[in-house]
């Protein structure tokens, strides 16, 4: 297994703070569902919403979606099908 690369997010500006506030609300909601596995719940919700957003913004162009999301095109197609977005 490869070691994880350290990731340091950029310092948030005012708009990023608003986005982080929304993210914190989603985290609190997921936590309060009392599901035993919060991470998969949030990960799947985020991935689905991000794919839907990219699909809408890029008029369904899967090549552009893959580039923008840093995913293989085959993975984009697979995930779109899994989430019923294709």
PDB file of N, CA and C in Angstrom:
ATOM      1  N   UNK A   1       0.837  -1.172   0.000  1.00  0.00           N
ATOM      2  CA  UNK A   1       0.000   0.000   0.000  1.00  0.00           C
ATOM      3  C   UNK A   1       0.885   1.240   0.000  1.00  0.00           C
ATOM      4  N   UNK A   2       0.562   2.190  -0.844  1.00  0.00           N
ATOM      5  CA  UNK A   2       1.349   3.407  -0.936  1.00  0.00           C
ATOM      6  C   UNK A   2       1.054   4.332   0.235  1.00  0.00           C
ATOM      7  N   UNK A   3       2.070   5.057   0.704  1.00  0.00           N
ATOM      8  CA  UNK A   3       1.803   6.019   1.775  1.00  0.00           C
ATOM      9  C   UNK A   3       0.954   7.155   1.249  1.00  0.00           C
ATOM     10  N   UNK A   4       0.141   7.702   2.106  1.00  0.00           N
ATOM     11  CA  UNK A   4      -0.723   8.823   1.721  1.00  0.00           C
ATOM     12  C   UNK A   4       0.103  10.079   1.590  1.00  0.00           C
ATOM     13  N   UNK A   5      -0.196  10.838   0.573  1.00  0.00           N
ATOM     14  CA  UNK A   5       0.463  12.125   0.397  1.00  0.00           C
ATOM     15  C   UNK A   5      -0.170  13.123   1.353  1.00  0.00           C
ATOM     16  N   UNK A   6       0.648  13.933   1.993  1.00  0.00           N
ATOM     17  CA  UNK A   6       0.050  14.951   2.856  1.00  0.00           C
ATOM     18  C   UNK A   6      -0.738  15.944   2.007  1.00  0.00           C
ATOM     19  N   UNK A   7      -1.859  16.350   2.506  1.00  0.00           N
ATOM     20  CA  UNK A   7      -2.706  17.298   1.789  1.00  0.00           C
ATOM     21  C   UNK A   7      -2.993  18.473   2.705  1.00  0.00           C
ATOM     22  N   UNK A   8      -2.592  19.624   2.271  1.00  0.00           N
ATOM     23  CA  UNK A   8      -2.861  20.837   3.030  1.00  0.00           C
ATOM     24  C   UNK A   8      -3.793  21.700   2.207  1.00  0.00           C
ATOM     25  N   UNK A   9      -5.058  21.803   2.637  1.00  0.00           N
ATOM     26  CA  UNK A   9      -5.984  22.637   1.873  1.00  0.00           C
ATOM     27  C   UNK A   9      -5.602  24.107   1.973  1.00  0.00           C
ATOM     28  N   UNK A  10      -5.942  24.890   0.960  1.00  0.00           N
ATOM     29  CA  UNK A  10      -5.631  26.316   1.014  1.00  0.00           C
ATOM     30  C   UNK A  10      -6.413  27.003   2.124  1.00  0.00           C
ATOM     31  N   UNK A  11      -5.889  28.101   2.595  1.00  0.00           N
ATOM     32  CA  UNK A  11      -6.602  28.877   3.615  1.00  0.00           C
ATOM     33  C   UNK A  11      -7.909  29.376   3.013  1.00  0.00           C
ATOM     34  N   UNK A  12      -9.013  29.183   3.707  1.00  0.00           N
ATOM     35  CA  UNK A  12     -10.306  29.562   3.143  1.00  0.00           C
ATOM     36  C   UNK A  12     -10.508  31.071   3.093  1.00  0.00           C
ATOM     37  N   UNK A  13     -11.123  31.534   1.999  1.00  0.00           N
ATOM     38  CA  UNK A  13     -11.541  32.925   1.921  1.00  0.00           C
ATOM     39  C   UNK A  13     -12.999  32.992   2.375  1.00  0.00           C
ATOM     40  N   UNK A  14     -13.628  34.133   2.249  1.00  0.00           N
ATOM     41  CA  UNK A  14     -15.000  34.298   2.752  1.00  0.00           C
ATOM     42  C   UNK A  14     -15.972  33.342   2.062  1.00  0.00           C
ATOM     43  N   UNK A  15     -15.844  33.172   0.741  1.00  0.00           N
ATOM     44  CA  UNK A  15     -16.762  32.264   0.036  1.00  0.00           C
ATOM     45  C   UNK A  15     -16.502  30.816   0.422  1.00  0.00           C
ATOM     46  N   UNK A  16     -15.240  30.489   0.619  1.00  0.00           N
ATOM     47  CA  UNK A  16     -14.910  29.128   1.047  1.00  0.00           C
ATOM     48  C   UNK A  16     -15.468  28.872   2.441  1.00  0.00           C
ATOM     49  N   UNK A  17     -15.445  29.867   3.283  1.00  0.00           N
ATOM     50  CA  UNK A  17     -16.015  29.720   4.638  1.00  0.00           C
ATOM     51  C   UNK A  17     -17.500  29.398   4.558  1.00  0.00           C
ATOM     52  N   UNK A  18     -18.224  30.032   3.638  1.00  0.00           N
ATOM     53  CA  UNK A  18     -19.645  29.728   3.445  1.00  0.00           C
ATOM     54  C   UNK A  18     -19.829  28.276   3.003  1.00  0.00           C
ATOM     55  N   UNK A  19     -18.979  27.839   2.080  1.00  0.00           N
ATOM     56  CA  UNK A  19     -19.055  26.454   1.602  1.00  0.00           C
ATOM     57  C   UNK A  19     -18.740  25.487   2.740  1.00  0.00           C
ATOM     58  N   UNK A  20     -17.733  25.821   3.533  1.00  0.00           N
ATOM     59  CA  UNK A  20     -17.378  24.970   4.664  1.00  0.00           C
ATOM     60  C   UNK A  20     -18.503  24.908   5.692  1.00  0.00           C
ATOM     61  N   UNK A  21     -19.217  26.004   5.863  1.00  0.00           N
ATOM     62  CA  UNK A  21     -20.350  26.006   6.791  1.00  0.00           C
ATOM     63  C   UNK A  21     -21.417  25.019   6.307  1.00  0.00           C
ATOM     64  N   UNK A  22     -21.674  25.006   5.000  1.00  0.00           N
ATOM     65  CA  UNK A  22     -22.627  24.049   4.448  1.00  0.00           C
ATOM     66  C   UNK A  22     -22.141  22.616   4.601  1.00  0.00           C
ATOM     67  N   UNK A  23     -20.855  22.428   4.400  1.00  0.00           N
ATOM     68  CA  UNK A  23     -20.274  21.095   4.564  1.00  0.00           C
ATOM     69  C   UNK A  23     -20.390  20.634   6.014  1.00  0.00           C
ATOM     70  N   UNK A  24     -20.149  21.546   6.929  1.00  0.00           N
ATOM     71  CA  UNK A  24     -20.279  21.202   8.353  1.00  0.00           C
ATOM     72  C   UNK A  24     -21.720  20.827   8.700  1.00  0.00           C
ATOM     73  N   UNK A  25     -22.678  21.470   8.069  1.00  0.00           N
ATOM     74  CA  UNK A  25     -24.085  21.114   8.286  1.00  0.00           C
ATOM     75  C   UNK A  25     -24.362  19.704   7.782  1.00  0.00           C
ATOM     76  N   UNK A  26     -23.818  19.362   6.625  1.00  0.00           N
ATOM     77  CA  UNK A  26     -23.999  18.016   6.078  1.00  0.00           C
ATOM     78  C   UNK A  26     -23.357  16.977   6.990  1.00  0.00           C
ATOM     79  N   UNK A  27     -22.192  17.300   7.523  1.00  0.00           N
ATOM     80  CA  UNK A  27     -21.526  16.381   8.442  1.00  0.00           C
ATOM     81  C   UNK A  27     -22.365  16.185   9.699  1.00  0.00           C
ATOM     82  N   UNK A  28     -22.887  17.269  10.249  1.00  0.00           N
ATOM     83  CA  UNK A  28     -23.723  17.168  11.453  1.00  0.00           C
ATOM     84  C   UNK A  28     -24.978  16.355  11.158  1.00  0.00           C
ATOM     85  N   UNK A  29     -25.591  16.582   9.999  1.00  0.00           N
ATOM     86  CA  UNK A  29     -26.775  15.807   9.629  1.00  0.00           C
ATOM     87  C   UNK A  29     -26.438  14.322   9.575  1.00  0.00           C
ATOM     88  N   UNK A  30     -25.341  13.977   8.878  1.00  0.00           N
ATOM     89  CA  UNK A  30     -24.963  12.566   8.751  1.00  0.00           C
ATOM     90  C   UNK A  30     -24.663  11.963  10.120  1.00  0.00           C
ATOM     91  N   UNK A  31     -23.982  12.709  10.960  1.00  0.00           N
ATOM     92  CA  UNK A  31     -23.647  12.227  12.298  1.00  0.00           C
ATOM     93  C   UNK A  31     -24.921  11.948  13.097  1.00  0.00           C
ATOM     94  N   UNK A  32     -25.889  12.833  12.963  1.00  0.00           N
ATOM     95  CA  UNK A  32     -27.127  12.714  13.734  1.00  0.00           C
ATOM     96  C   UNK A  32     -28.072  11.647  13.206  1.00  0.00           C
ATOM     97  N   UNK A  33     -27.755  11.045  12.061  1.00  0.00           N
ATOM     98  CA  UNK A  33     -28.588   9.939  11.570  1.00  0.00           C
ATOM     99  C   UNK A  33     -28.361   8.685  12.402  1.00  0.00           C
ATOM    100  N   UNK A  34     -27.280   8.684  13.181  1.00  0.00           N
ATOM    101  CA  UNK A  34     -26.906   7.550  14.026  1.00  0.00           C
ATOM    102  C   UNK A  34     -26.573   6.301  13.220  1.00  0.00           C
ATOM    103  N   UNK A  35     -26.257   6.475  11.950  1.00  0.00           N
ATOM    104  CA  UNK A  35     -25.788   5.340  11.167  1.00  0.00           C
ATOM    105  C   UNK A  35     -24.380   4.989  11.634  1.00  0.00           C
ATOM    106  N   UNK A  36     -24.043   3.708  11.653  1.00  0.00           N
ATOM    107  CA  UNK A  36     -22.738   3.317  12.179  1.00  0.00           C
ATOM    108  C   UNK A  36     -21.575   3.710  11.276  1.00  0.00           C
ATOM    109  N   UNK A  37     -21.834   3.994  10.016  1.00  0.00           N
ATOM    110  CA  UNK A  37     -20.764   4.305   9.070  1.00  0.00           C
ATOM    111  C   UNK A  37     -21.043   5.631   8.380  1.00  0.00           C
ATOM    112  N   UNK A  38     -20.597   6.698   9.009  1.00  0.00           N
ATOM    113  CA  UNK A  38     -20.861   8.047   8.513  1.00  0.00           C
ATOM    114  C   UNK A  38     -20.057   8.358   7.248  1.00  0.00           C
ATOM    115  N   UNK A  39     -18.796   7.902   7.212  1.00  0.00           N
ATOM    116  CA  UNK A  39     -17.953   8.232   6.059  1.00  0.00           C
ATOM    117  C   UNK A  39     -18.546   7.737   4.739  1.00  0.00           C
ATOM    118  N   UNK A  40     -18.954   6.474   4.596  1.00  0.00           N
ATOM    119  CA  UNK A  40     -19.520   6.046   3.310  1.00  0.00           C
ATOM    120  C   UNK A  40     -20.775   6.838   2.934  1.00  0.00           C
ATOM    121  N   UNK A  41     -21.573   7.188   3.907  1.00  0.00           N
ATOM    122  CA  UNK A  41     -22.783   7.971   3.641  1.00  0.00           C
ATOM    123  C   UNK A  41     -22.413   9.322   3.032  1.00  0.00           C
ATOM    124  N   UNK A  42     -21.514  10.039   3.688  1.00  0.00           N
ATOM    125  CA  UNK A  42     -21.111  11.357   3.193  1.00  0.00           C
ATOM    126  C   UNK A  42     -20.356  11.261   1.872  1.00  0.00           C
ATOM    127  N   UNK A  43     -19.471  10.284   1.752  1.00  0.00           N
ATOM    128  CA  UNK A  43     -18.687  10.113   0.530  1.00  0.00           C
ATOM    129  C   UNK A  43     -19.600   9.886  -0.667  1.00  0.00           C
ATOM    130  N   UNK A  44     -20.571   8.998  -0.499  1.00  0.00           N
ATOM    131  CA  UNK A  44     -21.467   8.680  -1.611  1.00  0.00           C
ATOM    132  C   UNK A  44     -22.365   9.864  -1.961  1.00  0.00           C
ATOM    133  N   UNK A  45     -22.842  10.587  -0.949  1.00  0.00           N
ATOM    134  CA  UNK A  45     -23.665  11.770  -1.220  1.00  0.00           C
ATOM    135  C   UNK A  45     -22.864  12.829  -1.954  1.00  0.00           C
ATOM    136  N   UNK A  46     -21.642  13.067  -1.498  1.00  0.00           N
ATOM    137  CA  UNK A  46     -20.793  14.065  -2.138  1.00  0.00           C
ATOM    138  C   UNK A  46     -20.473  13.661  -3.575  1.00  0.00           C
ATOM    139  N   UNK A  47     -20.112  12.405  -3.780  1.00  0.00           N
ATOM    140  CA  UNK A  47     -19.766  11.950  -5.119  1.00  0.00           C
ATOM    141  C   UNK A  47     -20.956  12.068  -6.067  1.00  0.00           C
ATOM    142  N   UNK A  48     -22.128  11.666  -5.602  1.00  0.00           N
ATOM    143  CA  UNK A  48     -23.308  11.748  -6.456  1.00  0.00           C
ATOM    144  C   UNK A  48     -23.625  13.198  -6.825  1.00  0.00           C
ATOM    145  N   UNK A  49     -23.605  14.070  -5.847  1.00  0.00           N
ATOM    146  CA  UNK A  49     -23.911  15.480  -6.101  1.00  0.00           C
ATOM    147  C   UNK A  49     -22.867  16.132  -6.999  1.00  0.00           C
ATOM    148  N   UNK A  50     -21.601  15.780  -6.795  1.00  0.00           N
ATOM    149  CA  UNK A  50     -20.535  16.331  -7.627  1.00  0.00           C
ATOM    150  C   UNK A  50     -20.670  15.856  -9.068  1.00  0.00           C
ATOM    151  N   UNK A  51     -20.975  14.587  -9.258  1.00  0.00           N
ATOM    152  CA  UNK A  51     -21.185  14.072 -10.614  1.00  0.00           C
ATOM    153  C   UNK A  51     -22.388  14.732 -11.277  1.00  0.00           C
ATOM    154  N   UNK A  52     -23.476  14.898 -10.534  1.00  0.00           N
ATOM    155  CA  UNK A  52     -24.666  15.550 -11.090  1.00  0.00           C
ATOM    156  C   UNK A  52     -24.358  16.995 -11.478  1.00  0.00           C
ATOM    157  N   UNK A  53     -23.637  17.692 -10.605  1.00  0.00           N
ATOM    158  CA  UNK A  53     -23.261  19.078 -10.872  1.00  0.00           C
ATOM    159  C   UNK A  53     -22.398  19.166 -12.133  1.00  0.00           C
ATOM    160  N   UNK A  54     -21.375  18.319 -12.207  1.00  0.00           N
ATOM    161  CA  UNK A  54     -20.480  18.329 -13.365  1.00  0.00           C
ATOM    162  C   UNK A  54     -21.240  17.976 -14.639  1.00  0.00           C
ATOM    163  N   UNK A  55     -22.117  17.020 -14.539  1.00  0.00           N
ATOM    164  CA  UNK A  55     -22.904  16.600 -15.702  1.00  0.00           C
ATOM    165  C   UNK A  55     -23.763  17.763 -16.211  1.00  0.00           C
ATOM    166  N   UNK A  56     -24.385  18.483 -15.290  1.00  0.00           N
ATOM    167  CA  UNK A  56     -25.213  19.630 -15.666  1.00  0.00           C
ATOM    168  C   UNK A  56     -24.371  20.758 -16.262  1.00  0.00           C
ATOM    169  N   UNK A  57     -23.257  21.062 -15.619  1.00  0.00           N
ATOM    170  CA  UNK A  57     -22.410  22.177 -16.063  1.00  0.00           C
ATOM    171  C   UNK A  57     -21.706  21.901 -17.389  1.00  0.00           C
ATOM    172  N   UNK A  58     -21.388  20.646 -17.642  1.00  0.00           N
ATOM    173  CA  UNK A  58     -20.627  20.291 -18.842  1.00  0.00           C
ATOM    174  C   UNK A  58     -21.499  19.607 -19.892  1.00  0.00           C
ATOM    175  N   UNK A  59     -22.803  19.783 -19.762  1.00  0.00           N
ATOM    176  CA  UNK A  59     -23.766  19.234 -20.727  1.00  0.00           C
ATOM    177  C   UNK A  59     -23.551  17.749 -20.985  1.00  0.00           C
ATOM    178  N   UNK A  60     -23.178  17.010 -19.927  1.00  0.00           N
ATOM    179  CA  UNK A  60     -23.034  15.570 -20.026  1.00  0.00           C
ATOM    180  C   UNK A  60     -21.772  15.096 -20.728  1.00  0.00           C
ATOM    181  N   UNK A  61     -20.842  16.001 -21.046  1.00  0.00           N
ATOM    182  CA  UNK A  61     -19.606  15.610 -21.728  1.00  0.00           C
ATOM    183  C   UNK A  61     -18.727  14.837 -20.745  1.00  0.00           C
ATOM    184  N   UNK A  62     -18.702  13.532 -20.912  1.00  0.00           N
ATOM    185  CA  UNK A  62     -18.012  12.662 -19.958  1.00  0.00           C
ATOM    186  C   UNK A  62     -16.498  12.827 -19.994  1.00  0.00           C
ATOM    187  N   UNK A  63     -15.950  13.164 -21.139  1.00  0.00           N
ATOM    188  CA  UNK A  63     -14.510  13.395 -21.228  1.00  0.00           C
ATOM    189  C   UNK A  63     -14.126  14.614 -20.407  1.00  0.00           C
ATOM    190  N   UNK A  64     -14.873  15.684 -20.549  1.00  0.00           N
ATOM    191  CA  UNK A  64     -14.601  16.894 -19.768  1.00  0.00           C
ATOM    192  C   UNK A  64     -14.851  16.656 -18.279  1.00  0.00           C
ATOM    193  N   UNK A  65     -15.885  15.881 -17.969  1.00  0.00           N
ATOM    194  CA  UNK A  65     -16.162  15.552 -16.567  1.00  0.00           C
ATOM    195  C   UNK A  65     -14.979  14.815 -15.961  1.00  0.00           C
ATOM    196  N   UNK A  66     -14.475  13.832 -16.682  1.00  0.00           N
ATOM    197  CA  UNK A  66     -13.343  13.042 -16.186  1.00  0.00           C
ATOM    198  C   UNK A  66     -12.129  13.929 -15.947  1.00  0.00           C
ATOM    199  N   UNK A  67     -11.854  14.830 -16.878  1.00  0.00           N
ATOM    200  CA  UNK A  67     -10.713  15.727 -16.720  1.00  0.00           C
ATOM    201  C   UNK A  67     -10.896  16.643 -15.510  1.00  0.00           C
ATOM    202  N   UNK A  68     -12.050  17.242 -15.408  1.00  0.00           N
ATOM    203  CA  UNK A  68     -12.301  18.206 -14.317  1.00  0.00           C
ATOM    204  C   UNK A  68     -12.332  17.531 -12.951  1.00  0.00           C
ATOM    205  N   UNK A  69     -12.844  16.298 -12.901  1.00  0.00           N
ATOM    206  CA  UNK A  69     -12.953  15.583 -11.630  1.00  0.00           C
ATOM    207  C   UNK A  69     -11.725  14.715 -11.339  1.00  0.00           C
ATOM    208  N   UNK A  70     -10.771  14.706 -12.253  1.00  0.00           N
ATOM    209  CA  UNK A  70      -9.554  13.903 -12.107  1.00  0.00           C
ATOM    210  C   UNK A  70      -9.904  12.432 -11.890  1.00  0.00           C
ATOM    211  N   UNK A  71     -10.774  11.937 -12.766  1.00  0.00           N
ATOM    212  CA  UNK A  71     -11.204  10.545 -12.741  1.00  0.00           C
ATOM    213  C   UNK A  71     -11.011   9.973 -14.142  1.00  0.00           C
ATOM    214  N   UNK A  72     -10.854   8.673 -14.220  1.00  0.00           N
ATOM    215  CA  UNK A  72     -10.844   8.024 -15.526  1.00  0.00           C
ATOM    216  C   UNK A  72     -12.257   8.124 -16.116  1.00  0.00           C
ATOM    217  N   UNK A  73     -12.341   8.258 -17.424  1.00  0.00           N
ATOM    218  CA  UNK A  73     -13.646   8.377 -18.077  1.00  0.00           C
ATOM    219  C   UNK A  73     -14.512   7.149 -17.788  1.00  0.00           C
ATOM    220  N   UNK A  74     -13.899   5.971 -17.781  1.00  0.00           N
ATOM    221  CA  UNK A  74     -14.640   4.751 -17.463  1.00  0.00           C
ATOM    222  C   UNK A  74     -15.223   4.788 -16.061  1.00  0.00           C
ATOM    223  N   UNK A  75     -14.488   5.378 -15.136  1.00  0.00           N
ATOM    224  CA  UNK A  75     -14.988   5.505 -13.763  1.00  0.00           C
ATOM    225  C   UNK A  75     -16.170   6.466 -13.720  1.00  0.00           C
ATOM    226  N   UNK A  76     -16.078   7.556 -14.463  1.00  0.00           N
ATOM    227  CA  UNK A  76     -17.199   8.508 -14.524  1.00  0.00           C
ATOM    228  C   UNK A  76     -18.440   7.798 -15.041  1.00  0.00           C
ATOM    229  N   UNK A  77     -18.291   7.060 -16.124  1.00  0.00           N
ATOM    230  CA  UNK A  77     -19.434   6.349 -16.713  1.00  0.00           C
ATOM    231  C   UNK A  77     -20.009   5.344 -15.714  1.00  0.00           C
ATOM    232  N   UNK A  78     -19.128   4.581 -15.082  1.00  0.00           N
ATOM    233  CA  UNK A  78     -19.571   3.579 -14.102  1.00  0.00           C
ATOM    234  C   UNK A  78     -20.333   4.237 -12.955  1.00  0.00           C
ATOM    235  N   UNK A  79     -19.784   5.311 -12.418  1.00  0.00           N
ATOM    236  CA  UNK A  79     -20.426   5.981 -11.285  1.00  0.00           C
ATOM    237  C   UNK A  79     -21.756   6.627 -11.685  1.00  0.00           C
ATOM    238  N   UNK A  80     -21.807   7.199 -12.878  1.00  0.00           N
ATOM    239  CA  UNK A  80     -23.077   7.760 -13.353  1.00  0.00           C
ATOM    240  C   UNK A  80     -24.151   6.685 -13.412  1.00  0.00           C
ATOM    241  N   UNK A  81     -23.772   5.512 -13.871  1.00  0.00           N
ATOM    242  CA  UNK A  81     -24.726   4.398 -13.941  1.00  0.00           C
ATOM    243  C   UNK A  81     -25.117   3.944 -12.534  1.00  0.00           C
ATOM    244  N   UNK A  82     -24.136   3.829 -11.623  1.00  0.00           N
ATOM    245  CA  UNK A  82     -24.409   3.393 -10.256  1.00  0.00           C
ATOM    246  C   UNK A  82     -25.383   4.324  -9.548  1.00  0.00           C
ATOM    247  N   UNK A  83     -25.251   5.622  -9.802  1.00  0.00           N
ATOM    248  CA  UNK A  83     -26.109   6.599  -9.135  1.00  0.00           C
ATOM    249  C   UNK A  83     -27.375   6.908  -9.940  1.00  0.00           C
ATOM    250  N   UNK A  84     -27.567   6.214 -11.055  1.00  0.00           N
ATOM    251  CA  UNK A  84     -28.764   6.427 -11.867  1.00  0.00           C
ATOM    252  C   UNK A  84     -28.783   7.782 -12.532  1.00  0.00           C
ATOM    253  N   UNK A  85     -27.614   8.316 -12.874  1.00  0.00           N
ATOM    254  CA  UNK A  85     -27.523   9.634 -13.474  1.00  0.00           C
ATOM    255  C   UNK A  85     -27.320   9.579 -14.980  1.00  0.00           C
ATOM    256  N   UNK A  86     -27.197   8.380 -15.525  1.00  0.00           N
ATOM    257  CA  UNK A  86     -26.958   8.256 -16.965  1.00  0.00           C
ATOM    258  C   UNK A  86     -28.188   7.740 -17.641  1.00  0.00           C
TER     259      UNK A  86
END
